[in-house]
Amino acid sequence: MSDLKAQFDAAAAASKTLAERPDNSTLLRLYALYKQGTVGDVEGRRPGFTDMVGRAKFDAWSALKGTAHEDAMRQYVDLVRGLGG
């Protein structure tokens, strides 16, 4: 697990220095995988319709409900590597 955590932390740092900004759907996937890997399943209420960004983030994270921390971390690392990070 510590090796995976180190890879995850390195990927999180690399995601901030990507040569090109990913498209919105990829950014949402990165956000959701990061949150699932660090916090776990989404909790709380879905933001209201006036907070479109908050709703999109909530929905992306909610779609990963039940995904194990380790699986989310691996997927995050793979995604960042695929983006050149």
PDB file of N, CA and C in Angstrom:
ATOM      1  N   MET A   1       0.824  -1.203   0.000  1.00  0.00           N
ATOM      2  CA  MET A   1       0.000   0.000   0.000  1.00  0.00           C
ATOM      3  C   MET A   1       0.860   1.257   0.000  1.00  0.00           C
ATOM      4  N   SER A   2       1.985   1.250   0.712  1.00  0.00           N
ATOM      5  CA  SER A   2       2.802   2.452   0.786  1.00  0.00           C
ATOM      6  C   SER A   2       3.377   2.807  -0.585  1.00  0.00           C
ATOM      7  N   ASP A   3       3.701   1.792  -1.405  1.00  0.00           N
ATOM      8  CA  ASP A   3       4.187   2.054  -2.755  1.00  0.00           C
ATOM      9  C   ASP A   3       3.080   2.685  -3.596  1.00  0.00           C
ATOM     10  N   LEU A   4       1.871   2.175  -3.459  1.00  0.00           N
ATOM     11  CA  LEU A   4       0.732   2.737  -4.180  1.00  0.00           C
ATOM     12  C   LEU A   4       0.474   4.170  -3.724  1.00  0.00           C
ATOM     13  N   LYS A   5       0.560   4.417  -2.432  1.00  0.00           N
ATOM     14  CA  LYS A   5       0.354   5.765  -1.890  1.00  0.00           C
ATOM     15  C   LYS A   5       1.402   6.724  -2.444  1.00  0.00           C
ATOM     16  N   ALA A   6       2.643   6.276  -2.539  1.00  0.00           N
ATOM     17  CA  ALA A   6       3.710   7.108  -3.089  1.00  0.00           C
ATOM     18  C   ALA A   6       3.445   7.412  -4.563  1.00  0.00           C
ATOM     19  N   GLN A   7       3.013   6.407  -5.308  1.00  0.00           N
ATOM     20  CA  GLN A   7       2.683   6.610  -6.723  1.00  0.00           C
ATOM     21  C   GLN A   7       1.504   7.572  -6.868  1.00  0.00           C
ATOM     22  N   PHE A   8       0.524   7.416  -5.988  1.00  0.00           N
ATOM     23  CA  PHE A   8      -0.664   8.270  -6.011  1.00  0.00           C
ATOM     24  C   PHE A   8      -0.274   9.720  -5.720  1.00  0.00           C
ATOM     25  N   ASP A   9       0.542   9.920  -4.699  1.00  0.00           N
ATOM     26  CA  ASP A   9       0.985  11.268  -4.351  1.00  0.00           C
ATOM     27  C   ASP A   9       1.799  11.892  -5.480  1.00  0.00           C
ATOM     28  N   ALA A  10       2.654  11.097  -6.112  1.00  0.00           N
ATOM     29  CA  ALA A  10       3.446  11.591  -7.241  1.00  0.00           C
ATOM     30  C   ALA A  10       2.539  11.960  -8.414  1.00  0.00           C
ATOM     31  N   ALA A  11       1.524  11.140  -8.656  1.00  0.00           N
ATOM     32  CA  ALA A  11       0.579  11.417  -9.739  1.00  0.00           C
ATOM     33  C   ALA A  11      -0.217  12.690  -9.449  1.00  0.00           C
ATOM     34  N   ALA A  12      -0.592  12.892  -8.193  1.00  0.00           N
ATOM     35  CA  ALA A  12      -1.330  14.098  -7.820  1.00  0.00           C
ATOM     36  C   ALA A  12      -0.478  15.339  -8.074  1.00  0.00           C
ATOM     37  N   ALA A  13       0.804  15.258  -7.751  1.00  0.00           N
ATOM     38  CA  ALA A  13       1.708  16.383  -8.004  1.00  0.00           C
ATOM     39  C   ALA A  13       1.891  16.590  -9.510  1.00  0.00           C
ATOM     40  N   ALA A  14       2.041  15.489 -10.240  1.00  0.00           N
ATOM     41  CA  ALA A  14       2.240  15.570 -11.692  1.00  0.00           C
ATOM     42  C   ALA A  14       1.000  16.119 -12.395  1.00  0.00           C
ATOM     43  N   SER A  15      -0.173  15.855 -11.852  1.00  0.00           N
ATOM     44  CA  SER A  15      -1.407  16.313 -12.494  1.00  0.00           C
ATOM     45  C   SER A  15      -1.499  17.833 -12.526  1.00  0.00           C
ATOM     46  N   LYS A  16      -0.758  18.489 -11.651  1.00  0.00           N
ATOM     47  CA  LYS A  16      -0.781  19.954 -11.586  1.00  0.00           C
ATOM     48  C   LYS A  16       0.187  20.588 -12.576  1.00  0.00           C
ATOM     49  N   THR A  17       1.037  19.770 -13.189  1.00  0.00           N
ATOM     50  CA  THR A  17       2.042  20.308 -14.101  1.00  0.00           C
ATOM     51  C   THR A  17       1.951  19.670 -15.491  1.00  0.00           C
ATOM     52  N   LEU A  18       0.780  19.226 -15.875  1.00  0.00           N
ATOM     53  CA  LEU A  18       0.599  18.628 -17.200  1.00  0.00           C
ATOM     54  C   LEU A  18       0.851  19.674 -18.285  1.00  0.00           C
ATOM     55  N   ALA A  19       1.408  19.236 -19.397  1.00  0.00           N
ATOM     56  CA  ALA A  19       1.707  20.151 -20.503  1.00  0.00           C
ATOM     57  C   ALA A  19       0.430  20.783 -21.063  1.00  0.00           C
ATOM     58  N   GLU A  20      -0.627  19.995 -21.154  1.00  0.00           N
ATOM     59  CA  GLU A  20      -1.904  20.500 -21.662  1.00  0.00           C
ATOM     60  C   GLU A  20      -2.996  20.267 -20.628  1.00  0.00           C
ATOM     61  N   ARG A  21      -3.921  21.204 -20.574  1.00  0.00           N
ATOM     62  CA  ARG A  21      -5.059  21.066 -19.660  1.00  0.00           C
ATOM     63  C   ARG A  21      -6.015  20.028 -20.242  1.00  0.00           C
ATOM     64  N   PRO A  22      -6.369  19.012 -19.441  1.00  0.00           N
ATOM     65  CA  PRO A  22      -7.313  17.990 -19.920  1.00  0.00           C
ATOM     66  C   PRO A  22      -8.699  18.587 -20.164  1.00  0.00           C
ATOM     67  N   ASP A  23      -9.503  17.881 -20.961  1.00  0.00           N
ATOM     68  CA  ASP A  23     -10.877  18.331 -21.196  1.00  0.00           C
ATOM     69  C   ASP A  23     -11.690  18.177 -19.905  1.00  0.00           C
ATOM     70  N   ASN A  24     -12.858  18.769 -19.897  1.00  0.00           N
ATOM     71  CA  ASN A  24     -13.678  18.794 -18.683  1.00  0.00           C
ATOM     72  C   ASN A  24     -14.054  17.410 -18.177  1.00  0.00           C
ATOM     73  N   SER A  25     -14.370  16.490 -19.073  1.00  0.00           N
ATOM     74  CA  SER A  25     -14.753  15.148 -18.615  1.00  0.00           C
ATOM     75  C   SER A  25     -13.569  14.441 -17.959  1.00  0.00           C
ATOM     76  N   THR A  26     -12.367  14.659 -18.478  1.00  0.00           N
ATOM     77  CA  THR A  26     -11.181  14.067 -17.869  1.00  0.00           C
ATOM     78  C   THR A  26     -10.889  14.720 -16.520  1.00  0.00           C
ATOM     79  N   LEU A  27     -11.069  16.026 -16.441  1.00  0.00           N
ATOM     80  CA  LEU A  27     -10.880  16.723 -15.165  1.00  0.00           C
ATOM     81  C   LEU A  27     -11.849  16.203 -14.102  1.00  0.00           C
ATOM     82  N   LEU A  28     -13.089  15.960 -14.503  1.00  0.00           N
ATOM     83  CA  LEU A  28     -14.069  15.409 -13.566  1.00  0.00           C
ATOM     84  C   LEU A  28     -13.670  14.010 -13.123  1.00  0.00           C
ATOM     85  N   ARG A  29     -13.162  13.223 -14.040  1.00  0.00           N
ATOM     86  CA  ARG A  29     -12.707  11.859 -13.709  1.00  0.00           C
ATOM     87  C   ARG A  29     -11.533  11.925 -12.736  1.00  0.00           C
ATOM     88  N   LEU A  30     -10.587  12.828 -12.986  1.00  0.00           N
ATOM     89  CA  LEU A  30      -9.455  13.011 -12.078  1.00  0.00           C
ATOM     90  C   LEU A  30      -9.935  13.404 -10.684  1.00  0.00           C
ATOM     91  N   TYR A  31     -10.855  14.367 -10.640  1.00  0.00           N
ATOM     92  CA  TYR A  31     -11.397  14.828  -9.368  1.00  0.00           C
ATOM     93  C   TYR A  31     -12.061  13.680  -8.608  1.00  0.00           C
ATOM     94  N   ALA A  32     -12.922  12.949  -9.312  1.00  0.00           N
ATOM     95  CA  ALA A  32     -13.676  11.875  -8.669  1.00  0.00           C
ATOM     96  C   ALA A  32     -12.752  10.766  -8.168  1.00  0.00           C
ATOM     97  N   LEU A  33     -11.785  10.378  -8.968  1.00  0.00           N
ATOM     98  CA  LEU A  33     -10.849   9.326  -8.543  1.00  0.00           C
ATOM     99  C   LEU A  33     -10.001   9.791  -7.372  1.00  0.00           C
ATOM    100  N   TYR A  34      -9.575  11.048  -7.395  1.00  0.00           N
ATOM    101  CA  TYR A  34      -8.785  11.580  -6.290  1.00  0.00           C
ATOM    102  C   TYR A  34      -9.600  11.557  -4.996  1.00  0.00           C
ATOM    103  N   LYS A  35     -10.817  12.051  -5.062  1.00  0.00           N
ATOM    104  CA  LYS A  35     -11.674  12.085  -3.869  1.00  0.00           C
ATOM    105  C   LYS A  35     -11.986  10.676  -3.362  1.00  0.00           C
ATOM    106  N   GLN A  36     -12.280   9.763  -4.281  1.00  0.00           N
ATOM    107  CA  GLN A  36     -12.586   8.387  -3.879  1.00  0.00           C
ATOM    108  C   GLN A  36     -11.354   7.740  -3.253  1.00  0.00           C
ATOM    109  N   GLY A  37     -10.187   8.044  -3.801  1.00  0.00           N
ATOM    110  CA  GLY A  37      -8.953   7.473  -3.279  1.00  0.00           C
ATOM    111  C   GLY A  37      -8.527   8.048  -1.945  1.00  0.00           C
ATOM    112  N   THR A  38      -8.893   9.285  -1.668  1.00  0.00           N
ATOM    113  CA  THR A  38      -8.470   9.925  -0.416  1.00  0.00           C
ATOM    114  C   THR A  38      -9.550   9.946   0.654  1.00  0.00           C
ATOM    115  N   VAL A  39     -10.803  10.143   0.249  1.00  0.00           N
ATOM    116  CA  VAL A  39     -11.891  10.305   1.215  1.00  0.00           C
ATOM    117  C   VAL A  39     -12.784   9.070   1.294  1.00  0.00           C
ATOM    118  N   GLY A  40     -13.036   8.449   0.151  1.00  0.00           N
ATOM    119  CA  GLY A  40     -13.972   7.332   0.099  1.00  0.00           C
ATOM    120  C   GLY A  40     -15.258   7.769  -0.564  1.00  0.00           C
ATOM    121  N   ASP A  41     -16.328   7.053  -0.280  1.00  0.00           N
ATOM    122  CA  ASP A  41     -17.617   7.347  -0.908  1.00  0.00           C
ATOM    123  C   ASP A  41     -18.097   8.754  -0.587  1.00  0.00           C
ATOM    124  N   VAL A  42     -18.744   9.354  -1.584  1.00  0.00           N
ATOM    125  CA  VAL A  42     -19.295  10.689  -1.426  1.00  0.00           C
ATOM    126  C   VAL A  42     -20.376  10.678  -0.346  1.00  0.00           C
ATOM    127  N   GLU A  43     -20.421  11.756   0.403  1.00  0.00           N
ATOM    128  CA  GLU A  43     -21.446  11.915   1.437  1.00  0.00           C
ATOM    129  C   GLU A  43     -22.064  13.291   1.293  1.00  0.00           C
ATOM    130  N   GLY A  44     -23.171  13.481   1.947  1.00  0.00           N
ATOM    131  CA  GLY A  44     -23.810  14.789   1.925  1.00  0.00           C
ATOM    132  C   GLY A  44     -24.826  14.907   0.812  1.00  0.00           C
ATOM    133  N   ARG A  45     -25.321  16.116   0.690  1.00  0.00           N
ATOM    134  CA  ARG A  45     -26.370  16.385  -0.287  1.00  0.00           C
ATOM    135  C   ARG A  45     -25.777  16.849  -1.606  1.00  0.00           C
ATOM    136  N   ARG A  46     -26.468  16.508  -2.657  1.00  0.00           N
ATOM    137  CA  ARG A  46     -26.081  16.961  -3.991  1.00  0.00           C
ATOM    138  C   ARG A  46     -26.344  18.465  -4.085  1.00  0.00           C
ATOM    139  N   PRO A  47     -25.384  19.239  -4.590  1.00  0.00           N
ATOM    140  CA  PRO A  47     -25.594  20.687  -4.713  1.00  0.00           C
ATOM    141  C   PRO A  47     -26.807  21.011  -5.576  1.00  0.00           C
ATOM    142  N   GLY A  48     -27.372  22.177  -5.338  1.00  0.00           N
ATOM    143  CA  GLY A  48     -28.553  22.611  -6.071  1.00  0.00           C
ATOM    144  C   GLY A  48     -28.273  22.891  -7.534  1.00  0.00           C
ATOM    145  N   PHE A  49     -29.343  23.093  -8.302  1.00  0.00           N
ATOM    146  CA  PHE A  49     -29.202  23.254  -9.748  1.00  0.00           C
ATOM    147  C   PHE A  49     -28.466  24.535 -10.138  1.00  0.00           C
ATOM    148  N   THR A  50     -28.357  25.481  -9.243  1.00  0.00           N
ATOM    149  CA  THR A  50     -27.631  26.711  -9.566  1.00  0.00           C
ATOM    150  C   THR A  50     -26.120  26.529  -9.467  1.00  0.00           C
ATOM    151  N   ASP A  51     -25.675  25.467  -8.822  1.00  0.00           N
ATOM    152  CA  ASP A  51     -24.245  25.167  -8.697  1.00  0.00           C
ATOM    153  C   ASP A  51     -23.897  24.039  -9.664  1.00  0.00           C
ATOM    154  N   MET A  52     -23.781  24.388 -10.939  1.00  0.00           N
ATOM    155  CA  MET A  52     -23.581  23.361 -11.963  1.00  0.00           C
ATOM    156  C   MET A  52     -22.237  22.652 -11.809  1.00  0.00           C
ATOM    157  N   VAL A  53     -21.202  23.376 -11.452  1.00  0.00           N
ATOM    158  CA  VAL A  53     -19.885  22.759 -11.281  1.00  0.00           C
ATOM    159  C   VAL A  53     -19.903  21.811 -10.084  1.00  0.00           C
ATOM    160  N   GLY A  54     -20.481  22.257  -8.985  1.00  0.00           N
ATOM    161  CA  GLY A  54     -20.590  21.416  -7.800  1.00  0.00           C
ATOM    162  C   GLY A  54     -21.392  20.147  -8.062  1.00  0.00           C
ATOM    163  N   ARG A  55     -22.458  20.288  -8.826  1.00  0.00           N
ATOM    164  CA  ARG A  55     -23.277  19.116  -9.177  1.00  0.00           C
ATOM    165  C   ARG A  55     -22.498  18.138 -10.034  1.00  0.00           C
ATOM    166  N   ALA A  56     -21.756  18.655 -11.006  1.00  0.00           N
ATOM    167  CA  ALA A  56     -20.974  17.790 -11.893  1.00  0.00           C
ATOM    168  C   ALA A  56     -19.919  17.035 -11.092  1.00  0.00           C
ATOM    169  N   LYS A  57     -19.258  17.723 -10.182  1.00  0.00           N
ATOM    170  CA  LYS A  57     -18.250  17.075  -9.342  1.00  0.00           C
ATOM    171  C   LYS A  57     -18.895  16.019  -8.448  1.00  0.00           C
ATOM    172  N   PHE A  58     -20.005  16.362  -7.832  1.00  0.00           N
ATOM    173  CA  PHE A  58     -20.711  15.434  -6.956  1.00  0.00           C
ATOM    174  C   PHE A  58     -21.131  14.188  -7.737  1.00  0.00           C
ATOM    175  N   ASP A  59     -21.701  14.393  -8.911  1.00  0.00           N
ATOM    176  CA  ASP A  59     -22.174  13.271  -9.724  1.00  0.00           C
ATOM    177  C   ASP A  59     -21.025  12.366 -10.170  1.00  0.00           C
ATOM    178  N   ALA A  60     -19.905  12.978 -10.558  1.00  0.00           N
ATOM    179  CA  ALA A  60     -18.743  12.182 -10.982  1.00  0.00           C
ATOM    180  C   ALA A  60     -18.216  11.350  -9.819  1.00  0.00           C
ATOM    181  N   TRP A  61     -18.132  11.947  -8.655  1.00  0.00           N
ATOM    182  CA  TRP A  61     -17.650  11.240  -7.471  1.00  0.00           C
ATOM    183  C   TRP A  61     -18.654  10.177  -7.049  1.00  0.00           C
ATOM    184  N   SER A  62     -19.927  10.509  -7.086  1.00  0.00           N
ATOM    185  CA  SER A  62     -20.975   9.574  -6.697  1.00  0.00           C
ATOM    186  C   SER A  62     -20.986   8.334  -7.592  1.00  0.00           C
ATOM    187  N   ALA A  63     -20.618   8.497  -8.855  1.00  0.00           N
ATOM    188  CA  ALA A  63     -20.590   7.373  -9.794  1.00  0.00           C
ATOM    189  C   ALA A  63     -19.560   6.322  -9.380  1.00  0.00           C
ATOM    190  N   LEU A  64     -18.599   6.701  -8.549  1.00  0.00           N
ATOM    191  CA  LEU A  64     -17.562   5.772  -8.097  1.00  0.00           C
ATOM    192  C   LEU A  64     -17.890   5.137  -6.745  1.00  0.00           C
ATOM    193  N   LYS A  65     -19.076   5.385  -6.245  1.00  0.00           N
ATOM    194  CA  LYS A  65     -19.466   4.857  -4.942  1.00  0.00           C
ATOM    195  C   LYS A  65     -19.267   3.351  -4.894  1.00  0.00           C
ATOM    196  N   GLY A  66     -18.602   2.897  -3.842  1.00  0.00           N
ATOM    197  CA  GLY A  66     -18.337   1.483  -3.675  1.00  0.00           C
ATOM    198  C   GLY A  66     -16.980   1.053  -4.211  1.00  0.00           C
ATOM    199  N   THR A  67     -16.293   1.932  -4.950  1.00  0.00           N
ATOM    200  CA  THR A  67     -14.962   1.620  -5.452  1.00  0.00           C
ATOM    201  C   THR A  67     -13.972   1.681  -4.292  1.00  0.00           C
ATOM    202  N   ALA A  68     -13.148   0.663  -4.156  1.00  0.00           N
ATOM    203  CA  ALA A  68     -12.160   0.617  -3.077  1.00  0.00           C
ATOM    204  C   ALA A  68     -11.138   1.738  -3.247  1.00  0.00           C
ATOM    205  N   HIS A  69     -10.613   2.224  -2.109  1.00  0.00           N
ATOM    206  CA  HIS A  69      -9.591   3.281  -2.129  1.00  0.00           C
ATOM    207  C   HIS A  69      -8.440   2.904  -3.064  1.00  0.00           C
ATOM    208  N   GLU A  70      -7.956   1.675  -2.912  1.00  0.00           N
ATOM    209  CA  GLU A  70      -6.792   1.231  -3.685  1.00  0.00           C
ATOM    210  C   GLU A  70      -7.094   1.211  -5.181  1.00  0.00           C
ATOM    211  N   ASP A  71      -8.286   0.760  -5.548  1.00  0.00           N
ATOM    212  CA  ASP A  71      -8.668   0.727  -6.960  1.00  0.00           C
ATOM    213  C   ASP A  71      -8.741   2.145  -7.535  1.00  0.00           C
ATOM    214  N   ALA A  72      -9.328   3.057  -6.767  1.00  0.00           N
ATOM    215  CA  ALA A  72      -9.420   4.448  -7.214  1.00  0.00           C
ATOM    216  C   ALA A  72      -8.027   5.052  -7.360  1.00  0.00           C
ATOM    217  N   MET A  73      -7.151   4.746  -6.430  1.00  0.00           N
ATOM    218  CA  MET A  73      -5.785   5.264  -6.503  1.00  0.00           C
ATOM    219  C   MET A  73      -5.066   4.734  -7.745  1.00  0.00           C
ATOM    220  N   ARG A  74      -5.206   3.440  -8.017  1.00  0.00           N
ATOM    221  CA  ARG A  74      -4.566   2.849  -9.199  1.00  0.00           C
ATOM    222  C   ARG A  74      -5.109   3.482 -10.483  1.00  0.00           C
ATOM    223  N   GLN A  75      -6.416   3.646 -10.553  1.00  0.00           N
ATOM    224  CA  GLN A  75      -7.018   4.250 -11.738  1.00  0.00           C
ATOM    225  C   GLN A  75      -6.547   5.694 -11.926  1.00  0.00           C
ATOM    226  N   TYR A  76      -6.413   6.411 -10.819  1.00  0.00           N
ATOM    227  CA  TYR A  76      -5.938   7.795 -10.870  1.00  0.00           C
ATOM    228  C   TYR A  76      -4.511   7.845 -11.404  1.00  0.00           C
ATOM    229  N   VAL A  77      -3.645   6.995 -10.863  1.00  0.00           N
ATOM    230  CA  VAL A  77      -2.249   6.946 -11.303  1.00  0.00           C
ATOM    231  C   VAL A  77      -2.193   6.617 -12.799  1.00  0.00           C
ATOM    232  N   ASP A  78      -2.961   5.631 -13.235  1.00  0.00           N
ATOM    233  CA  ASP A  78      -2.974   5.244 -14.646  1.00  0.00           C
ATOM    234  C   ASP A  78      -3.464   6.383 -15.542  1.00  0.00           C
ATOM    235  N   LEU A  79      -4.493   7.084 -15.090  1.00  0.00           N
ATOM    236  CA  LEU A  79      -5.040   8.183 -15.880  1.00  0.00           C
ATOM    237  C   LEU A  79      -4.026   9.317 -16.020  1.00  0.00           C
ATOM    238  N   VAL A  80      -3.380   9.683 -14.920  1.00  0.00           N
ATOM    239  CA  VAL A  80      -2.383  10.756 -14.974  1.00  0.00           C
ATOM    240  C   VAL A  80      -1.220  10.362 -15.869  1.00  0.00           C
ATOM    241  N   ARG A  81      -0.774   9.113 -15.758  1.00  0.00           N
ATOM    242  CA  ARG A  81       0.305   8.641 -16.631  1.00  0.00           C
ATOM    243  C   ARG A  81      -0.109   8.712 -18.091  1.00  0.00           C
ATOM    244  N   GLY A  82      -1.339   8.364 -18.367  1.00  0.00           N
ATOM    245  CA  GLY A  82      -1.846   8.422 -19.736  1.00  0.00           C
ATOM    246  C   GLY A  82      -1.913   9.841 -20.288  1.00  0.00           C
ATOM    247  N   LEU A  83      -1.996  10.801 -19.377  1.00  0.00           N
ATOM    248  CA  LEU A  83      -2.031  12.216 -19.789  1.00  0.00           C
ATOM    249  C   LEU A  83      -0.634  12.807 -19.926  1.00  0.00           C
ATOM    250  N   GLY A  84       0.371  11.990 -19.639  1.00  0.00           N
ATOM    251  CA  GLY A  84       1.749  12.469 -19.764  1.00  0.00           C
ATOM    252  C   GLY A  84       2.343  12.974 -18.471  1.00  0.00           C
ATOM    253  N   GLY A  85       1.705  12.638 -17.350  1.00  0.00           N
ATOM    254  CA  GLY A  85       2.199  13.117 -16.060  1.00  0.00           C
ATOM    255  C   GLY A  85       3.007  12.109 -15.305  1.00  0.00           C
TER     256      GLY A  85
END
